[in-house]
């Protein structure tokens, strides 16, 4: 019985010694390969009231992931991702919709976006004169 246990232990250690380095190199090769065919697109959007984002505390924050599928805590992630893809990830390309009438009341609303869009780091801040003006830009990205 002791010989069987000794042989089992010897074979186990030998297999580990011989196959261990092979397994390690195979795993290292997998780490070098991309985990996905899609470049990552994951953003955190915040909303605050005030003149500058550095002087205010966000009152709302949502997450938005657009790759490979739309997800996150954004209330309409699918539409927001479609809208963002439509402008190539250029937040400045979002324009106010025609026909939206807003008051000229100054009650600043700040939207910030930080994260990664198609594999590139992004940081964006925009101050809108009021909530109505913010809502007129795009259709769903800033609607949270």
C-alpha atoms as a PDB file:
ATOM      1  CA  UNK A   1       0.000   0.000   0.000  1.00  0.00           C
ATOM      2  CA  UNK A   2       2.839   2.388   0.813  1.00  0.00           C
ATOM      3  CA  UNK A   3       4.423   1.748  -2.584  1.00  0.00           C
ATOM      4  CA  UNK A   4       1.177   2.659  -4.359  1.00  0.00           C
ATOM      5  CA  UNK A   5       0.905   5.950  -2.460  1.00  0.00           C
ATOM      6  CA  UNK A   6       4.574   6.671  -3.126  1.00  0.00           C
ATOM      7  CA  UNK A   7       4.152   5.988  -6.862  1.00  0.00           C
ATOM      8  CA  UNK A   8       1.010   8.150  -7.011  1.00  0.00           C
ATOM      9  CA  UNK A   9       2.812  11.016  -5.277  1.00  0.00           C
ATOM     10  CA  UNK A  10       5.826  10.633  -7.560  1.00  0.00           C
ATOM     11  CA  UNK A  11       3.695  10.592 -10.721  1.00  0.00           C
ATOM     12  CA  UNK A  12       1.716  13.609  -9.512  1.00  0.00           C
ATOM     13  CA  UNK A  13       4.848  15.620  -8.794  1.00  0.00           C
ATOM     14  CA  UNK A  14       6.422  14.575 -12.095  1.00  0.00           C
ATOM     15  CA  UNK A  15       3.312  15.547 -14.030  1.00  0.00           C
ATOM     16  CA  UNK A  16       3.257  18.907 -12.258  1.00  0.00           C
ATOM     17  CA  UNK A  17       6.955  19.500 -12.941  1.00  0.00           C
ATOM     18  CA  UNK A  18       6.679  18.562 -16.619  1.00  0.00           C
ATOM     19  CA  UNK A  19       3.268  20.003 -17.480  1.00  0.00           C
ATOM     20  CA  UNK A  20       3.353  23.053 -15.185  1.00  0.00           C
ATOM     21  CA  UNK A  21       5.664  25.154 -17.391  1.00  0.00           C
ATOM     22  CA  UNK A  22       3.683  24.160 -20.474  1.00  0.00           C
ATOM     23  CA  UNK A  23       0.445  25.274 -18.881  1.00  0.00           C
ATOM     24  CA  UNK A  24       2.010  28.555 -17.741  1.00  0.00           C
ATOM     25  CA  UNK A  25       3.230  29.449 -21.231  1.00  0.00           C
ATOM     26  CA  UNK A  26      -0.140  28.591 -22.718  1.00  0.00           C
ATOM     27  CA  UNK A  27      -1.856  30.885 -20.244  1.00  0.00           C
ATOM     28  CA  UNK A  28       0.654  33.642 -20.899  1.00  0.00           C
ATOM     29  CA  UNK A  29      -0.155  33.398 -24.599  1.00  0.00           C
ATOM     30  CA  UNK A  30      -3.847  33.758 -23.821  1.00  0.00           C
ATOM     31  CA  UNK A  31      -3.201  36.859 -21.707  1.00  0.00           C
ATOM     32  CA  UNK A  32      -1.517  38.496 -24.688  1.00  0.00           C
ATOM     33  CA  UNK A  33      -4.609  37.926 -26.853  1.00  0.00           C
ATOM     34  CA  UNK A  34      -7.442  40.454 -26.618  1.00  0.00           C
ATOM     35  CA  UNK A  35     -10.333  39.432 -24.377  1.00  0.00           C
ATOM     36  CA  UNK A  36     -12.836  40.775 -26.904  1.00  0.00           C
ATOM     37  CA  UNK A  37     -12.994  41.726 -30.548  1.00  0.00           C
ATOM     38  CA  UNK A  38     -14.538  45.053 -29.539  1.00  0.00           C
ATOM     39  CA  UNK A  39     -12.631  48.046 -28.250  1.00  0.00           C
ATOM     40  CA  UNK A  40     -13.936  48.900 -24.786  1.00  0.00           C
ATOM     41  CA  UNK A  41     -16.498  51.677 -24.436  1.00  0.00           C
ATOM     42  CA  UNK A  42     -17.441  52.323 -20.821  1.00  0.00           C
ATOM     43  CA  UNK A  43     -18.392  55.752 -19.525  1.00  0.00           C
ATOM     44  CA  UNK A  44     -19.510  57.418 -16.302  1.00  0.00           C
ATOM     45  CA  UNK A  45     -21.802  60.401 -16.843  1.00  0.00           C
ATOM     46  CA  UNK A  46     -22.544  62.837 -14.020  1.00  0.00           C
ATOM     47  CA  UNK A  47     -24.915  65.746 -13.637  1.00  0.00           C
ATOM     48  CA  UNK A  48     -24.422  68.677 -11.247  1.00  0.00           C
ATOM     49  CA  UNK A  49     -25.892  72.128 -10.702  1.00  0.00           C
ATOM     50  CA  UNK A  50     -23.505  75.075 -10.643  1.00  0.00           C
ATOM     51  CA  UNK A  51     -20.967  76.931 -12.733  1.00  0.00           C
ATOM     52  CA  UNK A  52     -18.044  74.475 -12.746  1.00  0.00           C
ATOM     53  CA  UNK A  53     -17.774  70.757 -12.081  1.00  0.00           C
ATOM     54  CA  UNK A  54     -14.841  71.243  -9.714  1.00  0.00           C
ATOM     55  CA  UNK A  55     -16.898  73.467  -7.421  1.00  0.00           C
ATOM     56  CA  UNK A  56     -20.042  71.288  -7.314  1.00  0.00           C
ATOM     57  CA  UNK A  57     -21.078  67.836  -6.175  1.00  0.00           C
ATOM     58  CA  UNK A  58     -22.823  65.596  -8.710  1.00  0.00           C
ATOM     59  CA  UNK A  59     -26.494  65.021  -7.984  1.00  0.00           C
ATOM     60  CA  UNK A  60     -26.779  62.102 -10.404  1.00  0.00           C
ATOM     61  CA  UNK A  61     -24.391  59.636 -11.990  1.00  0.00           C
ATOM     62  CA  UNK A  62     -24.954  56.790 -14.450  1.00  0.00           C
ATOM     63  CA  UNK A  63     -22.776  54.258 -16.206  1.00  0.00           C
ATOM     64  CA  UNK A  64     -22.913  53.519 -19.910  1.00  0.00           C
ATOM     65  CA  UNK A  65     -21.189  50.656 -21.672  1.00  0.00           C
ATOM     66  CA  UNK A  66     -21.571  50.400 -25.432  1.00  0.00           C
ATOM     67  CA  UNK A  67     -19.351  47.495 -26.354  1.00  0.00           C
ATOM     68  CA  UNK A  68     -20.166  44.797 -27.285  1.00  0.00           C
ATOM     69  CA  UNK A  69     -23.772  45.580 -26.295  1.00  0.00           C
ATOM     70  CA  UNK A  70     -25.429  48.554 -24.630  1.00  0.00           C
ATOM     71  CA  UNK A  71     -25.683  48.253 -20.867  1.00  0.00           C
ATOM     72  CA  UNK A  72     -25.221  50.158 -17.635  1.00  0.00           C
ATOM     73  CA  UNK A  73     -27.385  52.197 -15.301  1.00  0.00           C
ATOM     74  CA  UNK A  74     -28.256  54.773 -17.969  1.00  0.00           C
ATOM     75  CA  UNK A  75     -32.072  54.764 -18.348  1.00  0.00           C
ATOM     76  CA  UNK A  76     -31.892  54.304 -22.139  1.00  0.00           C
ATOM     77  CA  UNK A  77     -28.479  52.761 -22.752  1.00  0.00           C
ATOM     78  CA  UNK A  78     -29.324  51.454 -26.230  1.00  0.00           C
ATOM     79  CA  UNK A  79     -30.426  54.855 -27.598  1.00  0.00           C
ATOM     80  CA  UNK A  80     -27.548  56.650 -25.881  1.00  0.00           C
ATOM     81  CA  UNK A  81     -25.016  54.292 -27.491  1.00  0.00           C
ATOM     82  CA  UNK A  82     -26.644  54.668 -30.914  1.00  0.00           C
ATOM     83  CA  UNK A  83     -26.562  58.443 -30.543  1.00  0.00           C
ATOM     84  CA  UNK A  84     -22.921  58.443 -29.464  1.00  0.00           C
ATOM     85  CA  UNK A  85     -21.901  56.117 -32.310  1.00  0.00           C
ATOM     86  CA  UNK A  86     -23.752  58.418 -34.729  1.00  0.00           C
ATOM     87  CA  UNK A  87     -21.392  61.277 -33.869  1.00  0.00           C
ATOM     88  CA  UNK A  88     -18.315  59.050 -33.720  1.00  0.00           C
ATOM     89  CA  UNK A  89     -17.899  59.587 -29.979  1.00  0.00           C
ATOM     90  CA  UNK A  90     -17.500  63.359 -30.452  1.00  0.00           C
ATOM     91  CA  UNK A  91     -19.563  64.908 -27.649  1.00  0.00           C
ATOM     92  CA  UNK A  92     -19.117  68.377 -29.138  1.00  0.00           C
ATOM     93  CA  UNK A  93     -20.863  67.183 -32.312  1.00  0.00           C
ATOM     94  CA  UNK A  94     -24.140  66.807 -30.393  1.00  0.00           C
ATOM     95  CA  UNK A  95     -26.348  69.729 -31.367  1.00  0.00           C
ATOM     96  CA  UNK A  96     -29.598  71.119 -30.020  1.00  0.00           C
ATOM     97  CA  UNK A  97     -32.677  69.730 -31.717  1.00  0.00           C
ATOM     98  CA  UNK A  98     -34.659  72.147 -33.867  1.00  0.00           C
ATOM     99  CA  UNK A  99     -37.956  73.386 -32.533  1.00  0.00           C
ATOM    100  CA  UNK A 100     -37.115  73.124 -28.835  1.00  0.00           C
ATOM    101  CA  UNK A 101     -38.015  76.327 -27.009  1.00  0.00           C
ATOM    102  CA  UNK A 102     -36.355  77.047 -23.661  1.00  0.00           C
ATOM    103  CA  UNK A 103     -36.450  80.008 -21.317  1.00  0.00           C
ATOM    104  CA  UNK A 104     -33.383  82.188 -20.913  1.00  0.00           C
ATOM    105  CA  UNK A 105     -33.295  81.556 -17.179  1.00  0.00           C
ATOM    106  CA  UNK A 106     -29.730  80.949 -16.001  1.00  0.00           C
ATOM    107  CA  UNK A 107     -29.666  77.901 -13.723  1.00  0.00           C
ATOM    108  CA  UNK A 108     -26.490  76.105 -14.892  1.00  0.00           C
ATOM    109  CA  UNK A 109     -26.394  72.354 -15.300  1.00  0.00           C
ATOM    110  CA  UNK A 110     -23.051  70.595 -15.747  1.00  0.00           C
ATOM    111  CA  UNK A 111     -22.638  67.241 -17.455  1.00  0.00           C
ATOM    112  CA  UNK A 112     -19.341  65.377 -17.248  1.00  0.00           C
ATOM    113  CA  UNK A 113     -18.308  62.222 -19.060  1.00  0.00           C
ATOM    114  CA  UNK A 114     -15.252  60.192 -18.080  1.00  0.00           C
ATOM    115  CA  UNK A 115     -14.114  56.778 -19.225  1.00  0.00           C
ATOM    116  CA  UNK A 116     -13.118  54.983 -22.385  1.00  0.00           C
ATOM    117  CA  UNK A 117     -14.713  55.294 -25.813  1.00  0.00           C
ATOM    118  CA  UNK A 118     -13.639  52.678 -28.372  1.00  0.00           C
ATOM    119  CA  UNK A 119     -10.402  52.065 -26.495  1.00  0.00           C
ATOM    120  CA  UNK A 120      -9.448  55.741 -26.050  1.00  0.00           C
ATOM    121  CA  UNK A 121      -9.597  57.665 -22.778  1.00  0.00           C
ATOM    122  CA  UNK A 122     -12.185  60.461 -22.809  1.00  0.00           C
ATOM    123  CA  UNK A 123     -12.971  63.296 -20.435  1.00  0.00           C
ATOM    124  CA  UNK A 124     -15.687  65.803 -21.287  1.00  0.00           C
ATOM    125  CA  UNK A 125     -17.431  68.609 -19.431  1.00  0.00           C
ATOM    126  CA  UNK A 126     -20.205  70.854 -20.663  1.00  0.00           C
ATOM    127  CA  UNK A 127     -22.212  73.531 -18.898  1.00  0.00           C
ATOM    128  CA  UNK A 128     -25.763  74.139 -20.115  1.00  0.00           C
ATOM    129  CA  UNK A 129     -27.598  77.314 -19.133  1.00  0.00           C
ATOM    130  CA  UNK A 130     -30.528  75.303 -17.700  1.00  0.00           C
ATOM    131  CA  UNK A 131     -32.127  71.850 -17.641  1.00  0.00           C
ATOM    132  CA  UNK A 132     -34.250  72.555 -20.726  1.00  0.00           C
ATOM    133  CA  UNK A 133     -31.210  73.463 -22.822  1.00  0.00           C
ATOM    134  CA  UNK A 134     -29.436  70.286 -21.639  1.00  0.00           C
ATOM    135  CA  UNK A 135     -32.461  68.242 -22.670  1.00  0.00           C
ATOM    136  CA  UNK A 136     -32.486  69.779 -26.140  1.00  0.00           C
ATOM    137  CA  UNK A 137     -29.032  68.370 -26.958  1.00  0.00           C
ATOM    138  CA  UNK A 138     -29.219  64.984 -28.578  1.00  0.00           C
ATOM    139  CA  UNK A 139     -32.114  62.763 -27.718  1.00  0.00           C
ATOM    140  CA  UNK A 140     -31.024  60.421 -24.975  1.00  0.00           C
ATOM    141  CA  UNK A 141     -27.339  60.604 -24.037  1.00  0.00           C
ATOM    142  CA  UNK A 142     -27.790  63.405 -21.514  1.00  0.00           C
ATOM    143  CA  UNK A 143     -31.301  62.308 -20.470  1.00  0.00           C
ATOM    144  CA  UNK A 144     -30.620  60.774 -17.085  1.00  0.00           C
END
